[in-house]
């Protein structure tokens, strides 16, 4: 309500005092709001040393990420170790399986060696003919396909790890121990000897020195010299008694 000196109180107006009070009220309110606002005045200075909520959250997330990385590295190492152990186990199983197979085949082939010996003797005597010849050749082809290898030939150097010497002789035609006859060939399978070759061996003849008499000559010469040896003056001694008796002196005494 406005007051006019002539008309008095006039409705719809504003008194001058009320207008001044209304103008000063917003300024006072703005000053109070500025003093109590969290982003202004002295309040931010008091909270400057404390971490913000965003920094704490980032630190927490970084710790969780590091923990997960360590866990992944540990699980990866465990997986690699298990994979290596499995690979070694598989190789060991395959090696053992191959070894068992080789031993089984070697044992079977060892039982068949007498049959091969009979076939060889029949071939040497000219008795391997007809259907028996075809069967023998098929049998030899099968054992060869399985991996059986024969060895032992005349003229090769004697090897005690591969040959079994049944006979021994000396010969001027060899310069080292040499196989001169093969009675039964040897056989190998997968690099292992199933049976050594049974052979006759000849060694070089050992020549005696020229100044060494044959055996027994030196002993006979020594015995003869001892029986005919005399004194220094050429006298000979005899074990027979003097024919003239004990009182008769020697003629040359």
C-alpha atoms as a PDB file:
ATOM      1  CA  UNK A   1       0.000   0.000   0.000  1.00  0.00           C
ATOM      2  CA  UNK A   2       1.331   3.444  -0.996  1.00  0.00           C
ATOM      3  CA  UNK A   3       0.719   6.560   1.243  1.00  0.00           C
ATOM      4  CA  UNK A   4       0.149   9.875  -0.448  1.00  0.00           C
ATOM      5  CA  UNK A   5       0.231  13.113   1.668  1.00  0.00           C
ATOM      6  CA  UNK A   6      -2.764  14.464  -0.136  1.00  0.00           C
ATOM      7  CA  UNK A   7      -4.757  11.376  -0.691  1.00  0.00           C
ATOM      8  CA  UNK A   8      -3.580   9.329   2.250  1.00  0.00           C
ATOM      9  CA  UNK A   9      -3.155   5.641   1.938  1.00  0.00           C
ATOM     10  CA  UNK A  10      -3.360   4.515  -1.646  1.00  0.00           C
ATOM     11  CA  UNK A  11      -3.798   0.734  -2.262  1.00  0.00           C
ATOM     12  CA  UNK A  12      -1.423  -1.057  -4.771  1.00  0.00           C
ATOM     13  CA  UNK A  13       1.642   1.013  -3.985  1.00  0.00           C
ATOM     14  CA  UNK A  14       4.743   0.531  -1.927  1.00  0.00           C
ATOM     15  CA  UNK A  15       5.941   2.820   0.758  1.00  0.00           C
ATOM     16  CA  UNK A  16       9.419   4.335   0.374  1.00  0.00           C
ATOM     17  CA  UNK A  17      10.733   2.629   3.533  1.00  0.00           C
ATOM     18  CA  UNK A  18       9.429  -0.673   2.399  1.00  0.00           C
ATOM     19  CA  UNK A  19      11.153  -0.259  -0.987  1.00  0.00           C
ATOM     20  CA  UNK A  20      14.494   0.445   0.658  1.00  0.00           C
ATOM     21  CA  UNK A  21      14.113  -2.570   2.950  1.00  0.00           C
ATOM     22  CA  UNK A  22      13.191  -4.779   0.001  1.00  0.00           C
ATOM     23  CA  UNK A  23      16.275  -3.595  -1.912  1.00  0.00           C
ATOM     24  CA  UNK A  24      18.635  -4.357   0.980  1.00  0.00           C
ATOM     25  CA  UNK A  25      17.212  -7.832   1.761  1.00  0.00           C
ATOM     26  CA  UNK A  26      18.601  -9.678  -1.316  1.00  0.00           C
ATOM     27  CA  UNK A  27      22.109  -8.287  -0.695  1.00  0.00           C
ATOM     28  CA  UNK A  28      22.080  -9.527   2.897  1.00  0.00           C
ATOM     29  CA  UNK A  29      20.829 -12.898   1.803  1.00  0.00           C
ATOM     30  CA  UNK A  30      23.618 -13.182  -0.816  1.00  0.00           C
ATOM     31  CA  UNK A  31      26.262 -12.349   1.808  1.00  0.00           C
ATOM     32  CA  UNK A  32      24.921 -15.051   4.170  1.00  0.00           C
ATOM     33  CA  UNK A  33      24.843 -17.586   1.371  1.00  0.00           C
ATOM     34  CA  UNK A  34      28.431 -16.781   0.407  1.00  0.00           C
ATOM     35  CA  UNK A  35      29.627 -17.242   3.977  1.00  0.00           C
ATOM     36  CA  UNK A  36      27.948 -20.683   4.307  1.00  0.00           C
ATOM     37  CA  UNK A  37      28.638 -22.121   0.763  1.00  0.00           C
ATOM     38  CA  UNK A  38      31.018 -25.118   0.808  1.00  0.00           C
ATOM     39  CA  UNK A  39      33.001 -23.813  -2.173  1.00  0.00           C
ATOM     40  CA  UNK A  40      33.677 -20.371  -0.952  1.00  0.00           C
ATOM     41  CA  UNK A  41      34.955 -18.543   2.108  1.00  0.00           C
ATOM     42  CA  UNK A  42      37.212 -20.326   4.615  1.00  0.00           C
ATOM     43  CA  UNK A  43      35.623 -23.847   4.413  1.00  0.00           C
ATOM     44  CA  UNK A  44      37.726 -25.098   1.413  1.00  0.00           C
ATOM     45  CA  UNK A  45      40.928 -24.048   3.148  1.00  0.00           C
ATOM     46  CA  UNK A  46      40.083 -26.335   6.065  1.00  0.00           C
ATOM     47  CA  UNK A  47      39.451 -29.409   3.718  1.00  0.00           C
ATOM     48  CA  UNK A  48      42.524 -28.925   1.452  1.00  0.00           C
ATOM     49  CA  UNK A  49      44.680 -31.652   3.261  1.00  0.00           C
ATOM     50  CA  UNK A  50      42.129 -34.517   2.924  1.00  0.00           C
ATOM     51  CA  UNK A  51      41.984 -36.805  -0.189  1.00  0.00           C
ATOM     52  CA  UNK A  52      38.984 -36.377  -2.379  1.00  0.00           C
ATOM     53  CA  UNK A  53      36.530 -39.271  -2.827  1.00  0.00           C
ATOM     54  CA  UNK A  54      37.709 -39.742  -6.432  1.00  0.00           C
ATOM     55  CA  UNK A  55      41.361 -40.267  -5.377  1.00  0.00           C
ATOM     56  CA  UNK A  56      40.435 -42.891  -2.776  1.00  0.00           C
ATOM     57  CA  UNK A  57      38.311 -44.764  -5.284  1.00  0.00           C
ATOM     58  CA  UNK A  58      41.126 -44.776  -7.861  1.00  0.00           C
ATOM     59  CA  UNK A  59      43.625 -46.087  -5.264  1.00  0.00           C
ATOM     60  CA  UNK A  60      41.247 -48.867  -4.325  1.00  0.00           C
ATOM     61  CA  UNK A  61      40.736 -49.846  -7.951  1.00  0.00           C
ATOM     62  CA  UNK A  62      44.510 -49.840  -8.586  1.00  0.00           C
ATOM     63  CA  UNK A  63      45.062 -52.183  -5.619  1.00  0.00           C
ATOM     64  CA  UNK A  64      42.399 -54.557  -6.904  1.00  0.00           C
ATOM     65  CA  UNK A  65      43.931 -54.529 -10.404  1.00  0.00           C
ATOM     66  CA  UNK A  66      47.388 -55.334  -8.994  1.00  0.00           C
ATOM     67  CA  UNK A  67      45.943 -58.185  -6.953  1.00  0.00           C
ATOM     68  CA  UNK A  68      44.216 -59.587 -10.026  1.00  0.00           C
ATOM     69  CA  UNK A  69      47.439 -59.338 -12.043  1.00  0.00           C
ATOM     70  CA  UNK A  70      49.351 -61.291  -9.397  1.00  0.00           C
ATOM     71  CA  UNK A  71      46.616 -63.931  -9.335  1.00  0.00           C
ATOM     72  CA  UNK A  72      46.673 -64.258 -13.135  1.00  0.00           C
ATOM     73  CA  UNK A  73      50.499 -64.615 -13.128  1.00  0.00           C
ATOM     74  CA  UNK A  74      50.293 -67.311 -10.451  1.00  0.00           C
ATOM     75  CA  UNK A  75      47.619 -69.259 -12.298  1.00  0.00           C
ATOM     76  CA  UNK A  76      49.566 -68.940 -15.569  1.00  0.00           C
ATOM     77  CA  UNK A  77      52.703 -70.360 -13.918  1.00  0.00           C
ATOM     78  CA  UNK A  78      50.673 -73.258 -12.491  1.00  0.00           C
ATOM     79  CA  UNK A  79      49.175 -73.976 -15.906  1.00  0.00           C
ATOM     80  CA  UNK A  80      52.576 -73.940 -17.596  1.00  0.00           C
ATOM     81  CA  UNK A  81      54.003 -76.293 -14.964  1.00  0.00           C
ATOM     82  CA  UNK A  82      51.104 -78.720 -15.345  1.00  0.00           C
ATOM     83  CA  UNK A  83      51.409 -78.588 -19.134  1.00  0.00           C
ATOM     84  CA  UNK A  84      55.159 -79.346 -18.959  1.00  0.00           C
ATOM     85  CA  UNK A  85      54.564 -82.258 -16.576  1.00  0.00           C
ATOM     86  CA  UNK A  86      51.911 -83.679 -18.872  1.00  0.00           C
ATOM     87  CA  UNK A  87      54.197 -83.368 -21.913  1.00  0.00           C
ATOM     88  CA  UNK A  88      56.978 -85.208 -20.050  1.00  0.00           C
ATOM     89  CA  UNK A  89      54.543 -87.875 -18.906  1.00  0.00           C
ATOM     90  CA  UNK A  90      53.284 -88.413 -22.450  1.00  0.00           C
ATOM     91  CA  UNK A  91      56.832 -88.738 -23.791  1.00  0.00           C
ATOM     92  CA  UNK A  92      57.722 -91.195 -21.029  1.00  0.00           C
ATOM     93  CA  UNK A  93      54.633 -93.305 -21.721  1.00  0.00           C
ATOM     94  CA  UNK A  94      55.357 -93.381 -25.453  1.00  0.00           C
ATOM     95  CA  UNK A  95      58.976 -94.352 -24.794  1.00  0.00           C
ATOM     96  CA  UNK A  96      57.965 -97.133 -22.405  1.00  0.00           C
ATOM     97  CA  UNK A  97      55.356 -98.398 -24.863  1.00  0.00           C
ATOM     98  CA  UNK A  98      57.953 -98.562 -27.658  1.00  0.00           C
ATOM     99  CA  UNK A  99      60.408-100.321 -25.341  1.00  0.00           C
ATOM    100  CA  UNK A 100      57.841-102.949 -24.330  1.00  0.00           C
ATOM    101  CA  UNK A 101      56.992-103.537 -27.981  1.00  0.00           C
ATOM    102  CA  UNK A 102      60.668-103.943 -28.929  1.00  0.00           C
ATOM    103  CA  UNK A 103      61.253-106.393 -26.096  1.00  0.00           C
ATOM    104  CA  UNK A 104      58.220-108.457 -27.106  1.00  0.00           C
ATOM    105  CA  UNK A 105      59.295-108.589 -30.759  1.00  0.00           C
ATOM    106  CA  UNK A 106      62.905-109.408 -29.793  1.00  0.00           C
ATOM    107  CA  UNK A 107      61.766-112.300 -27.590  1.00  0.00           C
ATOM    108  CA  UNK A 108      59.589-113.663 -30.395  1.00  0.00           C
ATOM    109  CA  UNK A 109      62.378-113.406 -32.955  1.00  0.00           C
ATOM    110  CA  UNK A 110      64.801-115.150 -30.579  1.00  0.00           C
ATOM    111  CA  UNK A 111      62.462-118.135 -30.510  1.00  0.00           C
ATOM    112  CA  UNK A 112      62.508-118.259 -34.320  1.00  0.00           C
ATOM    113  CA  UNK A 113      66.313-118.274 -34.708  1.00  0.00           C
ATOM    114  CA  UNK A 114      66.587-122.110 -34.684  1.00  0.00           C
ATOM    115  CA  UNK A 115      64.214-122.208 -37.653  1.00  0.00           C
ATOM    116  CA  UNK A 116      66.450-119.754 -39.511  1.00  0.00           C
ATOM    117  CA  UNK A 117      69.471-121.929 -38.672  1.00  0.00           C
ATOM    118  CA  UNK A 118      67.728-124.971 -40.148  1.00  0.00           C
ATOM    119  CA  UNK A 119      66.897-123.031 -43.299  1.00  0.00           C
ATOM    120  CA  UNK A 120      70.508-121.925 -43.630  1.00  0.00           C
ATOM    121  CA  UNK A 121      71.839-125.465 -43.235  1.00  0.00           C
ATOM    122  CA  UNK A 122      69.341-126.777 -45.763  1.00  0.00           C
ATOM    123  CA  UNK A 123      70.407-124.091 -48.238  1.00  0.00           C
ATOM    124  CA  UNK A 124      74.101-124.940 -47.678  1.00  0.00           C
ATOM    125  CA  UNK A 125      73.455-128.632 -48.453  1.00  0.00           C
ATOM    126  CA  UNK A 126      71.322-127.896 -51.513  1.00  0.00           C
ATOM    127  CA  UNK A 127      68.144-129.212 -49.934  1.00  0.00           C
ATOM    128  CA  UNK A 128      66.175-125.969 -50.166  1.00  0.00           C
ATOM    129  CA  UNK A 129      63.972-126.762 -53.169  1.00  0.00           C
ATOM    130  CA  UNK A 130      60.370-126.742 -54.265  1.00  0.00           C
ATOM    131  CA  UNK A 131      57.629-125.561 -51.962  1.00  0.00           C
ATOM    132  CA  UNK A 132      59.920-125.638 -48.957  1.00  0.00           C
ATOM    133  CA  UNK A 133      62.107-123.039 -50.681  1.00  0.00           C
ATOM    134  CA  UNK A 134      59.159-120.684 -51.150  1.00  0.00           C
ATOM    135  CA  UNK A 135      58.082-121.094 -47.545  1.00  0.00           C
ATOM    136  CA  UNK A 136      61.635-120.454 -46.310  1.00  0.00           C
ATOM    137  CA  UNK A 137      62.018-117.330 -48.431  1.00  0.00           C
ATOM    138  CA  UNK A 138      58.659-115.982 -47.238  1.00  0.00           C
ATOM    139  CA  UNK A 139      59.625-116.673 -43.641  1.00  0.00           C
ATOM    140  CA  UNK A 140      62.965-114.874 -44.049  1.00  0.00           C
ATOM    141  CA  UNK A 141      61.219-111.909 -45.689  1.00  0.00           C
ATOM    142  CA  UNK A 142      58.789-111.619 -42.762  1.00  0.00           C
ATOM    143  CA  UNK A 143      61.466-111.612 -40.049  1.00  0.00           C
ATOM    144  CA  UNK A 144      63.508-109.122 -42.077  1.00  0.00           C
ATOM    145  CA  UNK A 145      60.477-106.853 -42.353  1.00  0.00           C
ATOM    146  CA  UNK A 146      60.076-107.019 -38.573  1.00  0.00           C
ATOM    147  CA  UNK A 147      63.611-105.634 -38.203  1.00  0.00           C
ATOM    148  CA  UNK A 148      65.819-108.713 -37.780  1.00  0.00           C
ATOM    149  CA  UNK A 149      69.321-108.139 -39.181  1.00  0.00           C
ATOM    150  CA  UNK A 150      71.911-110.895 -39.656  1.00  0.00           C
ATOM    151  CA  UNK A 151      75.658-110.285 -39.259  1.00  0.00           C
ATOM    152  CA  UNK A 152      78.872-112.285 -39.205  1.00  0.00           C
ATOM    153  CA  UNK A 153      80.963-112.730 -42.368  1.00  0.00           C
ATOM    154  CA  UNK A 154      84.271-114.389 -43.069  1.00  0.00           C
ATOM    155  CA  UNK A 155      87.151-111.930 -43.084  1.00  0.00           C
ATOM    156  CA  UNK A 156      85.761-109.349 -40.691  1.00  0.00           C
ATOM    157  CA  UNK A 157      87.740-108.455 -37.539  1.00  0.00           C
ATOM    158  CA  UNK A 158      86.882-110.437 -34.452  1.00  0.00           C
ATOM    159  CA  UNK A 159      84.779-108.484 -31.956  1.00  0.00           C
ATOM    160  CA  UNK A 160      84.173-110.238 -28.627  1.00  0.00           C
ATOM    161  CA  UNK A 161      80.991-108.216 -28.114  1.00  0.00           C
ATOM    162  CA  UNK A 162      79.492-109.505 -31.384  1.00  0.00           C
ATOM    163  CA  UNK A 163      81.220-112.833 -31.979  1.00  0.00           C
ATOM    164  CA  UNK A 164      81.385-116.050 -30.002  1.00  0.00           C
ATOM    165  CA  UNK A 165      84.664-117.860 -30.787  1.00  0.00           C
ATOM    166  CA  UNK A 166      84.128-121.618 -30.888  1.00  0.00           C
ATOM    167  CA  UNK A 167      87.515-122.412 -32.450  1.00  0.00           C
ATOM    168  CA  UNK A 168      90.911-120.731 -32.418  1.00  0.00           C
ATOM    169  CA  UNK A 169      93.943-121.052 -34.691  1.00  0.00           C
ATOM    170  CA  UNK A 170      97.039-119.203 -35.939  1.00  0.00           C
ATOM    171  CA  UNK A 171      97.610-118.119 -39.507  1.00  0.00           C
ATOM    172  CA  UNK A 172     100.224-116.192 -41.481  1.00  0.00           C
ATOM    173  CA  UNK A 173      97.505-114.764 -43.725  1.00  0.00           C
ATOM    174  CA  UNK A 174      95.984-112.443 -41.079  1.00  0.00           C
ATOM    175  CA  UNK A 175      97.390-109.414 -39.283  1.00  0.00           C
ATOM    176  CA  UNK A 176      94.801-109.284 -36.488  1.00  0.00           C
ATOM    177  CA  UNK A 177      92.249-111.626 -34.938  1.00  0.00           C
ATOM    178  CA  UNK A 178      89.973-112.391 -37.878  1.00  0.00           C
ATOM    179  CA  UNK A 179      86.880-114.492 -38.482  1.00  0.00           C
ATOM    180  CA  UNK A 180      87.854-117.354 -40.789  1.00  0.00           C
ATOM    181  CA  UNK A 181      84.683-119.446 -40.559  1.00  0.00           C
ATOM    182  CA  UNK A 182      81.071-118.780 -39.544  1.00  0.00           C
ATOM    183  CA  UNK A 183      79.188-121.644 -37.952  1.00  0.00           C
ATOM    184  CA  UNK A 184      75.996-119.661 -37.243  1.00  0.00           C
ATOM    185  CA  UNK A 185      75.243-116.020 -38.065  1.00  0.00           C
ATOM    186  CA  UNK A 186      74.429-113.494 -35.392  1.00  0.00           C
ATOM    187  CA  UNK A 187      71.273-111.383 -35.294  1.00  0.00           C
ATOM    188  CA  UNK A 188      70.375-107.907 -34.069  1.00  0.00           C
ATOM    189  CA  UNK A 189      67.060-106.153 -33.576  1.00  0.00           C
ATOM    190  CA  UNK A 190      66.559-102.437 -32.869  1.00  0.00           C
ATOM    191  CA  UNK A 191      70.277-102.027 -32.265  1.00  0.00           C
ATOM    192  CA  UNK A 192      70.448-104.831 -29.681  1.00  0.00           C
ATOM    193  CA  UNK A 193      72.237-108.128 -30.197  1.00  0.00           C
ATOM    194  CA  UNK A 194      69.815-111.038 -29.928  1.00  0.00           C
ATOM    195  CA  UNK A 195      72.497-113.668 -30.533  1.00  0.00           C
ATOM    196  CA  UNK A 196      76.240-113.316 -31.246  1.00  0.00           C
ATOM    197  CA  UNK A 197      77.722-114.915 -34.335  1.00  0.00           C
ATOM    198  CA  UNK A 198      79.363-118.292 -33.681  1.00  0.00           C
ATOM    199  CA  UNK A 199      82.697-118.280 -35.504  1.00  0.00           C
ATOM    200  CA  UNK A 200      86.215-119.640 -35.768  1.00  0.00           C
ATOM    201  CA  UNK A 201      88.983-117.101 -35.170  1.00  0.00           C
ATOM    202  CA  UNK A 202      92.544-116.993 -36.513  1.00  0.00           C
ATOM    203  CA  UNK A 203      95.327-114.884 -35.036  1.00  0.00           C
ATOM    204  CA  UNK A 204      98.653-113.885 -36.580  1.00  0.00           C
ATOM    205  CA  UNK A 205     101.525-116.354 -36.078  1.00  0.00           C
ATOM    206  CA  UNK A 206     104.011-115.134 -33.490  1.00  0.00           C
ATOM    207  CA  UNK A 207     107.615-115.519 -34.848  1.00  0.00           C
ATOM    208  CA  UNK A 208     110.325-116.478 -32.328  1.00  0.00           C
ATOM    209  CA  UNK A 209     113.603-114.488 -32.263  1.00  0.00           C
ATOM    210  CA  UNK A 210     116.583-116.049 -34.186  1.00  0.00           C
ATOM    211  CA  UNK A 211     118.902-116.313 -31.117  1.00  0.00           C
ATOM    212  CA  UNK A 212     116.334-118.236 -29.086  1.00  0.00           C
ATOM    213  CA  UNK A 213     116.723-122.030 -29.422  1.00  0.00           C
ATOM    214  CA  UNK A 214     113.601-124.136 -29.846  1.00  0.00           C
ATOM    215  CA  UNK A 215     111.874-125.466 -26.751  1.00  0.00           C
ATOM    216  CA  UNK A 216     113.937-128.193 -24.962  1.00  0.00           C
ATOM    217  CA  UNK A 217     117.188-127.590 -26.875  1.00  0.00           C
ATOM    218  CA  UNK A 218     118.730-125.407 -24.179  1.00  0.00           C
ATOM    219  CA  UNK A 219     117.883-127.892 -21.422  1.00  0.00           C
ATOM    220  CA  UNK A 220     119.396-130.833 -23.333  1.00  0.00           C
ATOM    221  CA  UNK A 221     122.576-128.888 -24.112  1.00  0.00           C
ATOM    222  CA  UNK A 222     122.961-127.937 -20.447  1.00  0.00           C
ATOM    223  CA  UNK A 223     122.579-131.543 -19.277  1.00  0.00           C
ATOM    224  CA  UNK A 224     125.140-132.843 -21.788  1.00  0.00           C
ATOM    225  CA  UNK A 225     127.668-130.190 -20.834  1.00  0.00           C
ATOM    226  CA  UNK A 226     127.342-130.980 -17.156  1.00  0.00           C
ATOM    227  CA  UNK A 227     128.088-134.706 -17.771  1.00  0.00           C
ATOM    228  CA  UNK A 228     131.234-134.188 -19.907  1.00  0.00           C
ATOM    229  CA  UNK A 229     132.841-131.270 -18.107  1.00  0.00           C
ATOM    230  CA  UNK A 230     136.480-131.900 -16.924  1.00  0.00           C
ATOM    231  CA  UNK A 231     139.032-130.143 -14.791  1.00  0.00           C
ATOM    232  CA  UNK A 232     141.217-127.264 -15.740  1.00  0.00           C
ATOM    233  CA  UNK A 233     144.108-129.552 -16.880  1.00  0.00           C
ATOM    234  CA  UNK A 234     141.924-131.659 -19.173  1.00  0.00           C
ATOM    235  CA  UNK A 235     141.413-134.574 -16.805  1.00  0.00           C
ATOM    236  CA  UNK A 236     138.189-136.510 -16.831  1.00  0.00           C
ATOM    237  CA  UNK A 237     136.603-137.838 -13.709  1.00  0.00           C
ATOM    238  CA  UNK A 238     134.885-141.160 -13.356  1.00  0.00           C
ATOM    239  CA  UNK A 239     132.659-142.555 -10.695  1.00  0.00           C
ATOM    240  CA  UNK A 240     134.017-146.132 -11.165  1.00  0.00           C
ATOM    241  CA  UNK A 241     136.576-147.444  -8.606  1.00  0.00           C
ATOM    242  CA  UNK A 242     140.202-147.971  -9.584  1.00  0.00           C
ATOM    243  CA  UNK A 243     140.824-151.406 -11.100  1.00  0.00           C
ATOM    244  CA  UNK A 244     144.218-151.743  -9.370  1.00  0.00           C
ATOM    245  CA  UNK A 245     142.705-151.469  -5.926  1.00  0.00           C
ATOM    246  CA  UNK A 246     142.893-148.896  -3.248  1.00  0.00           C
ATOM    247  CA  UNK A 247     146.669-149.407  -2.506  1.00  0.00           C
ATOM    248  CA  UNK A 248     147.796-148.957  -6.114  1.00  0.00           C
ATOM    249  CA  UNK A 249     148.554-145.334  -6.949  1.00  0.00           C
ATOM    250  CA  UNK A 250     147.559-143.689 -10.226  1.00  0.00           C
ATOM    251  CA  UNK A 251     150.018-144.082 -13.052  1.00  0.00           C
ATOM    252  CA  UNK A 252     150.489-140.349 -13.435  1.00  0.00           C
ATOM    253  CA  UNK A 253     150.683-139.598  -9.728  1.00  0.00           C
END
